[in-house]
Amino acid sequence: MFNGKKVLVMMMTLVLVMSTILPAMSFAEEAVTIDIYSFNDFHGALIESGKNVGMAKLVGAVNALKAANPNTLVVSAGDNYQGSAMSNLSYGEPVSEMLKLLGVTVSAVGNHEFDWGTDKITKWTEDGNLTFLASNIYDKTTGEPVAWAKPYVIKEQEGKKIAFIGLTTQETAYKTKADNVSTLEFKDPAEAAQIWVDYLMAGKDAAGKPDAIIALTHIPASQEGYGEDVNKPVTGDEISAITAVKGIDGVVCAHNHATVAGYSNGVAVVEAYYSGRTLGHLSLSFTGSTLKVTPSVDNLYKRSEEITPDPVALAAFEKWNKDLAPTLNEVLGKADGTFTHDRYTGASTTVLGRWVCETMAKAAGTQIGLQNGGGLRRDIPAGDITYGILYEVMPFDNTLVTLKLSGADLLKNIEHGIANAEIGNASFSGLQVDYNSSLEAGSRVLSLKLADGTPVAMDQYYTVVINDFMYPKGDNFDFTGAIDVKDTFIPIRDVLVNEIKASGTIKALPAGYAKDYVNESAKAYDTYTVQEGDVLWKIAKKLGTTYQNLGEINGLKNVNLIYVGQKLLVPQK
């Protein structure tokens, strides 16, 4: 009987002990899910229009997601402000208001954050209760990371510490106004990421070692299928280097306006289209010491009708819209058709690009107009052209720059602006260009003539108008050989406004000026680089043609004048 009581006591004790242990074990194994939603390249798209869901619906959609999971963080991958009249005219103030309503407290630094100078970044930090993250942007004067951004932050959610490291593409050095970044150095993002991952993993931050590290970047990624299949690889040199950094658990991308949800080097990567049309989603699932990160995208524009606008955001939008309506809704004139512009598809020079370049050349009194494709941001639809529409077409405050360019340098820059996978097609006027987009970069132009059919002579100078972004190697155009350079300080947008008002109705003419002979072998040429001791007749004899033919093909005014390093078009054998 004594032994029985002893056994009973032992059993009851065991039950009590197990009852305290089991719940603790169960709790330890319970999964904690933290959702990170991101958007990128918003570009001030506050108005609901087309695929753009607008400020009120974006806030409404995010609030609904937060209600579904309170453990939600919302971040931006940069290029927040520049791009629409409503945002530009107030230097991003309504976007700052939207970011606060979204609960966004961290943002990567995009190249267009520099368009109005770094003092605006400081103001956005204050106005939006926002921290900009940039671990690879250094001040050349101090040799230290810039003072107006932090390399990383740690956010705590449901007992988990999530670190965000900021990274910016090195392309920023030539994809914003050069003067605004002249004192900055954009270091290798992957190297910067490794430095700060090591720092965080060593527990050197006061908050201790983070449970997850996310790279919040303004760096491009690509993927076939628009993020619909996570099994399709995520590609791109910069993103591949970043995901190779040990310790990074997920990456938020931006810059090239792609839709991405997949993996690179086994690391989850998202990018969310642009203008708030899509949300990137990194789902962080913690089970014990195990972390699983799952990427996906939420295409808001596909379910826009289902989204309830946030009333506070809607009221804020309506206030801004009312204040700016007299300016935005001013009708400047009409378009008799759609002025299309897509710099990545179709022939070099678009319908819109032709009109813009012709208008620039007319205002500047030059033979040739040249405009980078990225300087024009949307089509002009048929019908009334408002100031708001024109502002979205050309949101940048670029000015006319006139110069004289040799035929050789003109050819080099036209080559750079044709079928360029990185920057898209440039637009131009005053030229006839035959090219083959399938040929090697730098050798695509088959024939270069003035608009009247006169061959462009490599040794002759021509008057050209460009913009003040392109001149200091913006988009990697090269005008270092130009002479008689003059910044007129005349805003190109004003030139376009004046032309529309003067014309009343602008005519959508075929793009013209350029023809792609990609499927026609008859016009195919090779490129020959002039060597020391070369003369044209010897080159012609060696290639089985005549010096007269080479002179005509290349528009040489003087067939006796060629120079070492000059590239000549020669017929294919």
Foldseek 3Di string as FASTA:
>chain_A
DVVVVVVVVVVVVVVVVCVVVVVVVVVLQDKDKAKEKEAEAQQQLQDCDDLQLHLQLLLLVLVVVCVVPVNYAYEYLENQAHFFPLRLVVVRLLSLVSLLSSVYAEYAYELCVLQPACVSLLVSCVSNVHAYAAQQKAFQVVRGHDPRHHQWDWDAGPNFTEIEGHAEDQLSCQAHQVVRCVRIHGDQRLVSLLVVLVCQCVQVDPVGRGLAYEYRYAADWDFPPLQPDQPTDIDDDSVLSNLVRPRHQEYEYHNPQTAHFYDHPRHTYGHARYSSQKMKMWMWMDGNSDTDTGIGMGRCSVVSVVGDGHPVSVVSVVVSCVVCVVQQAAFLAWAQAKFFADQQDDFFFGLVLAVLQVLLCVVVVFLKEKEFRVQAAGMDGGTTDGLRNLCNRGVRQWFKKKWKDALLLVLQQQLCQGNPNPRGHMHMAQWAWEFANVDDRPWTTLFIAGPVRQGGARGDIGMYMYISSPDVCRVHRYDVVIPPIDGPSHGSSVSVSVVNNVVNYDYRDGRGRYDHCNPPLVSDWGKDFDAPPDAQQVVQVVQVHGLVVQCRRRNHPDSRDDDGGRITTGHDD
